[in-house]
Each structure stands twice: as structure tokens, then as C-alpha cells.
Protein backbone atom coordinates (compact mmCIF):
# COMPACT_ATOMS: atom_id res chain seq x y z
CA MET A 1 -7.98 21.61 -13.13
CA ALA A 2 -5.19 18.62 -13.29
CA ALA A 3 -6.17 15.22 -12.37
CA ALA A 4 -3.75 15.14 -9.58
CA ASP A 5 -5.47 18.54 -8.00
CA ASN A 6 -8.93 16.52 -8.42
CA ILE A 7 -7.31 13.83 -6.36
CA ALA A 8 -5.70 16.18 -3.91
CA ARG A 9 -8.99 17.99 -2.81
CA ALA A 10 -10.95 14.63 -2.86
CA PRO A 11 -12.50 13.65 0.23
CA HIS A 12 -11.60 10.64 2.12
CA ILE A 13 -13.79 7.76 0.92
CA PRO A 14 -12.41 4.13 1.42
CA VAL A 15 -11.54 2.63 -2.00
CA LEU A 16 -13.50 -0.14 -3.12
CA ILE A 17 -15.43 -0.44 -0.03
CA GLU A 18 -18.15 -1.44 -1.66
CA PRO A 19 -17.20 -4.42 -3.56
CA LEU A 20 -14.76 -5.13 -0.77
CA ILE A 21 -17.85 -5.44 1.64
CA GLU A 22 -19.73 -7.42 -1.00
CA ALA A 23 -17.22 -9.96 -1.82
CA CYS A 24 -16.84 -10.70 2.03
CA ALA A 25 -20.57 -10.83 3.14
CA PRO A 26 -21.46 -11.50 5.70
CA ILE A 27 -19.11 -9.76 7.98
CA SER A 28 -18.60 -10.83 11.18
CA GLY A 29 -16.37 -11.73 14.20
CA THR A 30 -13.14 -10.14 14.64
CA TRP A 31 -11.21 -8.13 11.75
CA LEU A 32 -8.01 -6.38 11.50
CA ASP A 33 -7.95 -3.21 9.48
CA GLY A 34 -3.96 -2.89 8.77
CA THR A 35 -3.47 0.36 7.45
CA PHE A 36 -6.01 2.20 9.51
CA GLY A 37 -5.36 6.11 8.11
CA ASN A 38 -8.53 8.11 8.21
CA GLY A 39 -10.54 4.61 9.80
CA GLY A 40 -12.56 4.49 6.59
CA TYR A 41 -12.36 0.76 6.49
CA THR A 42 -12.60 -0.30 10.09
CA ARG A 43 -15.81 2.24 10.18
CA LYS A 44 -17.29 0.16 7.32
CA LEU A 45 -16.37 -3.27 8.40
CA LEU A 46 -18.02 -2.33 11.96
CA GLU A 47 -21.25 -0.94 10.09
CA ALA A 48 -21.41 -4.38 8.04
CA GLY A 49 -21.52 -6.64 11.19
CA ALA A 50 -17.75 -6.71 12.25
CA GLU A 51 -17.53 -7.19 16.16
CA LEU A 52 -14.37 -5.96 17.22
CA VAL A 53 -11.39 -4.30 14.59
CA HIS A 54 -7.93 -4.24 15.50
CA ALA A 55 -6.82 -1.16 13.96
CA VAL A 56 -3.13 -1.08 12.99
CA ASP A 57 -0.95 2.03 11.76
CA ARG A 58 2.48 2.81 12.03
CA ASP A 59 1.45 6.48 11.84
CA PRO A 60 0.87 7.50 15.99
CA LEU A 61 -1.45 10.46 14.49
CA ALA A 62 -3.87 8.10 13.01
CA ALA A 63 -5.17 7.15 16.36
CA ASP A 64 -6.56 10.66 16.74
CA ARG A 65 -9.25 10.07 13.99
CA LEU A 66 -10.58 7.13 16.57
CA THR A 67 -12.11 10.32 18.22
CA GLU A 68 -14.32 11.26 15.30
CA PHE A 69 -16.35 7.91 15.53
CA PRO A 70 -19.13 7.65 17.61
CA GLU A 71 -18.79 6.44 21.21
CA ALA A 72 -20.56 2.81 20.90
CA MET A 73 -18.32 2.46 17.60
CA ARG A 74 -15.14 3.28 19.39
CA ALA A 75 -15.82 0.59 22.11
CA ARG A 76 -15.36 -2.09 19.22
CA VAL A 77 -11.77 -0.88 17.93
CA ALA A 78 -8.34 -1.58 19.61
CA PHE A 79 -5.84 0.62 18.04
CA HIS A 80 -2.07 -0.51 17.52
CA ALA A 81 0.51 1.74 16.81
CA THR A 82 2.76 -0.75 14.86
CA VAL A 83 3.70 -1.89 11.20
CA PHE A 84 1.08 -4.52 9.58
CA SER A 85 4.54 -6.80 8.91
CA LYS A 86 4.03 -7.13 12.62
CA LEU A 87 0.07 -8.13 12.71
CA ASP A 88 0.02 -11.60 13.97
CA ASP A 89 1.82 -10.34 16.87
CA VAL A 90 -1.62 -7.81 17.70
CA ALA A 91 -4.14 -10.66 16.63
CA GLN A 92 -4.69 -14.06 16.08
CA GLU A 93 -7.62 -16.38 14.84
CA LEU A 94 -9.05 -13.41 12.94
CA ASP A 95 -11.90 -13.73 10.70
CA GLY A 96 -10.47 -11.37 8.51
CA ILE A 97 -7.58 -8.89 7.13
CA VAL A 98 -7.78 -5.91 5.10
CA LEU A 99 -4.59 -3.88 4.06
CA ASP A 100 -5.15 -0.87 2.12
CA LEU A 101 -1.47 -0.17 0.93
CA GLY A 102 0.39 3.15 -0.01
CA VAL A 103 -0.23 6.51 1.43
CA SER A 104 -3.36 7.59 2.91
CA SER A 105 -4.99 10.64 2.15
CA MET A 106 -4.50 12.16 5.87
CA GLN A 107 -0.72 12.25 5.17
CA LEU A 108 -1.19 13.69 1.38
CA ASP A 109 -3.26 16.11 2.85
CA GLN A 110 -0.94 17.51 5.57
CA ALA A 111 1.66 19.53 3.89
CA ALA A 112 4.24 19.53 6.72
CA ARG A 113 4.37 16.08 6.14
CA GLY A 114 6.39 15.85 2.99
CA PHE A 115 4.47 13.48 0.65
CA SER A 116 2.81 15.72 -1.61
CA PHE A 117 4.29 17.74 -4.86
CA LEU A 118 1.01 19.79 -4.40
CA ARG A 119 1.79 21.06 -1.16
CA ASP A 120 4.85 22.93 -0.09
CA GLY A 121 6.51 21.09 2.92
CA PRO A 122 9.69 19.36 4.01
CA LEU A 123 11.11 16.59 2.08
CA ASP A 124 10.30 14.03 5.00
CA MET A 125 7.86 11.18 4.15
CA ARG A 126 7.87 9.20 6.96
CA MET A 127 4.59 7.13 7.86
CA SER A 128 5.99 6.40 11.25
CA GLN A 129 7.56 9.96 11.96
CA ASP A 130 11.08 8.34 12.69
CA GLY A 131 13.77 7.25 10.91
CA GLU A 132 15.67 8.45 7.85
CA THR A 133 13.81 11.08 5.87
CA ALA A 134 13.52 11.41 2.25
CA ALA A 135 16.16 14.18 2.32
CA GLU A 136 18.66 12.55 4.35
CA LEU A 137 18.10 9.45 1.72
CA ILE A 138 18.91 11.47 -1.30
CA GLU A 139 21.42 13.01 0.49
CA ARG A 140 23.14 9.80 1.54
CA LEU A 141 22.57 8.00 -2.14
CA ASP A 142 24.99 8.74 -4.98
CA GLU A 143 23.75 9.26 -8.35
CA ARG A 144 23.53 5.90 -9.41
CA ALA A 145 21.74 4.55 -6.33
CA LEU A 146 19.12 7.65 -6.80
CA ALA A 147 18.44 6.39 -10.19
CA ALA A 148 17.89 2.98 -8.90
CA VAL A 149 15.37 3.81 -6.46
CA ILE A 150 13.62 6.21 -8.59
CA TYR A 151 13.67 3.61 -11.54
CA THR A 152 12.94 0.26 -9.38
CA TYR A 153 10.34 1.75 -6.83
CA GLY A 154 8.69 4.21 -9.06
CA GLU A 155 8.96 2.76 -12.73
CA GLU A 156 10.15 6.07 -14.02
CA LYS A 157 12.00 5.47 -17.35
CA ALA A 158 13.92 8.86 -16.78
CA SER A 159 15.39 7.89 -13.83
CA ARG A 160 19.19 8.94 -14.99
CA ARG A 161 18.25 12.23 -15.95
CA ILE A 162 16.25 13.29 -12.92
CA ALA A 163 18.61 11.78 -10.55
CA HIS A 164 21.28 13.79 -12.12
CA ALA A 165 19.03 16.76 -11.89
CA ILE A 166 18.21 16.54 -8.47
CA LYS A 167 21.77 15.96 -7.27
CA VAL A 168 23.22 18.96 -9.03
CA ALA A 169 20.50 20.89 -7.77
CA TRP A 170 21.20 19.59 -4.26
CA PRO A 171 20.36 20.62 -1.66
CA LEU A 172 16.88 21.25 -1.80
CA GLN A 173 14.36 22.73 0.92
CA SER A 174 10.93 21.51 -0.15
CA THR A 175 8.65 19.34 -1.86
CA LEU A 176 7.88 21.98 -4.39
CA GLU A 177 11.50 22.66 -5.41
CA LEU A 178 11.89 18.87 -5.97
CA ALA A 179 8.74 18.62 -7.78
CA GLU A 180 9.60 21.63 -9.98
CA ILE A 181 13.32 19.91 -10.77
CA VAL A 182 11.49 16.65 -11.74
CA GLU A 183 9.09 18.53 -13.98
CA GLY A 184 11.78 20.14 -15.94
CA CYS A 185 13.21 16.71 -16.87
CA LEU A 186 9.66 15.60 -18.30
CA PRO A 187 7.33 16.28 -20.91
CA ARG A 188 4.40 18.60 -19.94
CA ALA A 189 1.59 16.47 -18.52
CA LYS A 190 -1.40 16.15 -21.08
CA PRO A 191 -4.90 17.11 -19.51
CA GLY A 192 -5.96 13.71 -17.49
CA GLN A 193 -2.39 12.25 -17.07
CA SER A 194 -0.56 12.42 -13.63
CA HIS A 195 1.77 14.89 -12.18
CA PRO A 196 5.24 14.45 -13.75
CA ALA A 197 6.68 13.89 -10.24
CA THR A 198 4.09 11.21 -9.33
CA ARG A 199 6.71 7.79 -10.29
CA THR A 200 9.51 9.98 -8.34
CA PHE A 201 7.72 10.93 -5.04
CA GLN A 202 6.46 7.16 -5.03
CA ALA A 203 9.59 5.88 -5.34
CA LEU A 204 11.06 7.91 -2.47
CA ARG A 205 8.25 7.36 -0.40
CA ILE A 206 8.40 3.49 -0.54
CA ALA A 207 12.49 3.61 -0.14
CA VAL A 208 11.67 5.75 2.97
CA ASN A 209 9.19 3.36 4.42
CA ASP A 210 10.91 0.45 2.99
CA GLU A 211 6.87 -0.46 1.84
CA TYR A 212 7.95 -3.54 -0.31
CA ARG A 213 9.78 -5.61 2.45
CA GLU A 214 6.83 -4.65 4.73
CA LEU A 215 4.24 -5.63 2.23
CA HIS A 216 6.26 -9.34 1.66
CA GLN A 217 6.23 -9.28 5.15
CA GLY A 218 2.98 -8.39 5.93
CA LEU A 219 1.04 -10.82 3.61
CA MET A 220 2.93 -13.79 5.54
CA ALA A 221 2.22 -12.29 8.80
CA ALA A 222 -1.66 -12.39 7.52
CA GLU A 223 -1.41 -15.99 6.31
CA ARG A 224 -0.28 -16.55 10.13
CA ALA A 225 -2.82 -14.65 11.95
CA LEU A 226 -6.23 -15.86 9.85
CA LYS A 227 -8.11 -18.65 11.28
CA PRO A 228 -9.28 -21.12 8.66
CA GLY A 229 -12.10 -19.73 6.33
CA GLY A 230 -10.84 -16.22 7.35
CA LEU A 231 -10.59 -13.99 4.54
CA LEU A 232 -7.54 -11.51 3.08
CA ALA A 233 -8.49 -8.50 1.13
CA VAL A 234 -5.90 -6.12 -0.36
CA VAL A 235 -6.13 -2.96 -2.29
CA SER A 236 -3.13 -1.78 -4.19
CA PHE A 237 -2.77 1.49 -5.84
CA HIS A 238 0.20 0.50 -8.91
CA SER A 239 1.30 -2.15 -10.69
CA ILE A 240 4.43 -3.34 -8.35
CA GLU A 241 1.92 -3.96 -5.51
CA ASP A 242 -0.37 -5.59 -7.40
CA ARG A 243 2.17 -7.96 -8.98
CA MET A 244 3.47 -9.05 -5.50
CA VAL A 245 -0.27 -9.68 -4.12
CA LYS A 246 -1.28 -11.62 -7.00
CA ARG A 247 1.91 -13.79 -7.28
CA PHE A 248 1.45 -14.20 -3.11
CA PHE A 249 -1.81 -15.39 -3.53
CA GLN A 250 -1.15 -17.41 -6.97
CA ALA A 251 1.97 -19.40 -4.88
CA ARG A 252 -0.21 -19.91 -1.81
CA ALA A 253 -3.21 -21.04 -3.79
CA GLY A 254 -0.82 -23.79 -5.07
CA ARG A 255 -1.11 -22.09 -8.68
CA LYS A 256 2.56 -21.82 -9.55
CA GLY A 257 2.56 -24.64 -12.18
CA ASN A 258 5.01 -26.09 -13.99
CA ALA A 259 8.19 -24.36 -15.84
CA ASN A 260 8.30 -27.25 -18.24
CA ARG A 261 5.41 -28.74 -19.60
CA TYR A 262 6.92 -32.04 -20.44
CA ALA A 263 8.77 -32.47 -16.94
CA PRO A 264 6.77 -34.56 -14.48
CA GLU A 265 4.26 -32.73 -12.48
CA VAL A 266 5.54 -31.36 -9.37
CA VAL A 267 3.65 -32.34 -6.30
CA GLN A 268 2.17 -29.12 -4.92
CA ALA A 269 2.00 -28.59 -1.13
CA PRO A 270 -1.50 -28.11 0.82
CA ALA A 271 -2.35 -24.34 -0.38
CA GLN A 272 -3.04 -21.68 2.32
CA PHE A 273 -5.35 -19.78 0.29
CA ASP A 274 -8.50 -20.39 -1.98
CA LEU A 275 -8.75 -17.59 -4.50
CA MET A 276 -11.66 -15.40 -4.15
CA THR A 277 -11.08 -12.85 -6.95
CA ARG A 278 -9.43 -14.67 -10.29
CA LYS A 279 -8.88 -11.26 -11.50
CA ALA A 280 -8.48 -7.74 -9.35
CA ILE A 281 -11.84 -5.75 -8.87
CA GLY A 282 -11.32 -2.32 -10.28
CA PRO A 283 -13.44 0.72 -9.27
CA SER A 284 -16.93 1.19 -11.02
CA ASP A 285 -17.68 4.17 -13.37
CA GLU A 286 -19.75 5.08 -10.33
CA GLU A 287 -17.05 5.32 -7.80
CA LEU A 288 -14.65 7.20 -10.28
CA ALA A 289 -17.00 9.76 -10.72
CA ILE A 290 -17.31 10.39 -6.69
CA ASN A 291 -14.12 9.37 -5.61
CA PRO A 292 -10.94 9.86 -8.23
CA ARG A 293 -8.24 8.57 -5.85
CA ALA A 294 -9.85 5.15 -6.96
CA ARG A 295 -8.55 5.24 -10.47
CA SER A 296 -5.66 3.03 -10.31
CA ALA A 297 -6.88 0.85 -7.20
CA LEU A 298 -7.35 -3.15 -7.50
CA LEU A 299 -8.74 -5.28 -4.85
CA ARG A 300 -7.93 -9.26 -4.49
CA ILE A 301 -9.55 -11.28 -1.98
CA ALA A 302 -8.47 -14.65 -1.01
CA GLN A 303 -9.76 -17.22 1.89
CA ARG A 304 -7.66 -18.66 4.30
CA THR A 305 -7.74 -22.70 4.17
CA ASP A 306 -6.67 -25.07 7.20
CA ALA A 307 -3.31 -25.80 5.78
CA PRO A 308 -0.28 -24.91 8.07
CA ALA A 309 1.42 -21.26 7.54
CA GLY A 310 4.72 -21.35 5.92
CA GLN A 311 7.30 -18.86 4.53
CA ILE A 312 7.60 -17.62 0.77
CA SER A 313 10.76 -15.91 -0.17
CA ALA A 314 10.87 -12.02 -1.25
CA SER A 315 11.87 -13.05 -4.67
CA ASP A 316 8.97 -15.54 -5.31
CA ILE A 317 6.49 -12.23 -5.24
CA ALA A 318 8.83 -10.45 -7.11
CA THR A 319 9.65 -7.95 -4.58
CA PRO A 320 11.75 -5.20 -5.75
CA GLU A 321 14.81 -4.54 -3.98
CA VAL A 322 17.70 -1.72 -4.47
CA LYS A 323 21.04 -2.62 -2.30
CA GLY A 324 21.73 0.16 -0.25
CA ALA A 325 18.79 1.88 -0.12
CA PHE A 326 17.87 1.09 3.34
């Protein structure tokens, strides 16, 4: 069985939840789960001692997962159907915020949502179930722009070849048809390697949901919403996301440094965060054994200071952008 098959069949387990809870202990007060999904992080935060969790998710179907919570626990959750870039409109003076980036297992496991290259479904990929679908995005973009999306958001080196093949075969009707086209452009995956269509599907999903802009705006919203001493924990699943989070934390912790060591030292503004993790935390061997979805996950945590919240540009944290993709 391929690695991608294992991932798709794994039960939902909150990724890196044990090191997250341990690093943030003691958990108390009011927290916000910015990507509720299946509710795993919210449940664990409540079990660890959070008195109230604001559960945020752009997918309106995510609220249905609350019915699986025990009644007493459900009473300590406030669900908000919105994007996490607006989380500071949901709550202020938070003790902690958790952002689990990317697509949820709930969305991957529903073929009709069109996120998975392992299940036959429409080319949709919309987390909020409104706006432009993946099929409409592909239809709208010319071959060059489509290649740019696949390369920039998926880090796929064969992006031009894949974009050309997609446009030649267009129109396609389903996720499996698209996956087959992509597979035909790439060498056969070796045992343990990810599915050949992984990067292309990632790129299209990110473009459809404007995920990188959401992340940039969401990190600033978290800075505004946390009280002094509040914690921001972010779990990312690929290098671009992790790089953005790392650069945000470094910049807000006053660790940008001087471009020229001979120039006068730059006077740093008061830092908005203190770094809790100098290096990203990855999954243990024990977690990987029971949860293959965690194989590429990285956790970074920082603590809010009492410095006023501010602005940071998208370019300062290396936010990728393809003009015309949105």
C-alpha cells in the first residue's frame, strides 16, 4: 500500500498535540482554535484545562462535529463560521491560539469536496463551499499562469509540463482524471514517496482558498487578539507555510538582524513575541507509528509580550503570490 493510501485511511488524530499541550502547560482560561476541523485540538485543550474555546472554521460543516462532544464539554465551545484571518473579531484578550494549517482530514475524506487525489470527486477544493472552484480556476487561467500557480504554491518542478498536459486534456471531470494527467507527467513514485499529484493538488487548493494570504493576515490577527503572556501555537505541513511562520515569529521577536555587519546596529522596536521554540518541533517516532499524517508536520510556539500590536508586510515573511491567481 502506498504512503498516500496509509495517510488517507488513518483515523483523525490531532497532529503534534502532545508536545503542543506540554509546551503550553498549564492550559487555562480562554483559547481559540483557528482551524476547528474535526475538533481534535479543541477537545484536547478543554481536557487540558481551557475554560472556553472559540472554535473557528470557514467550513460551515465543521460545526456538525460539535455534536460528537459530550454535552458538558460542548457547553464550553463557541463555534464561529469564519476565516481565521478575522479571529480578532471573534475574541480578544485570549490566553492562547492554535492554528493547524492546511486541509482537514474531514475534508480529505469526503470525495464530494474534491480535495483528494485518491477518491473520485468533482474538482472543487473550496473549504468554505463558496467562491471559485478548482475547475473554474483552471478554466480561467492560461497555461503560463497555471504553471506559475503549480510551481509557486506547490513547489512542483515539473509545473510547466503538468500545466500543458492539463490544458491539452481539458475539460476534465474529476479529481481522479486530474491525478492521472499529473501522474503521466512524472516518474512513478517509489515506495514511501508521496503521490505524484500531491504538489499539484496542494497548489490548486491553496490558490482556491487563498491560504497564504489567510496565513499572513491570520498571524497578525493573532497578535492583536492575544493578551500579554498569551501563546500562539502553529502547526504547518510544508516548507512554505513553515517558512512564513518562522519569519513572522523571528521578525516579531526582534530577531531580523542587520543586513550589513559593518553598518550601525539597527534599533529594534519592542518585540511583540518571545520565542518558545527556537527550532520547530516535529513528530516523534511514536506519533508517526500511529499517525502517518504527521510525517511533515512542524510546530512553532511564541508568547505574546505587552508591546502594542503592529503590521508586518506579506513580503517580510516571504508570502508567495501569483498575480492573477485570485
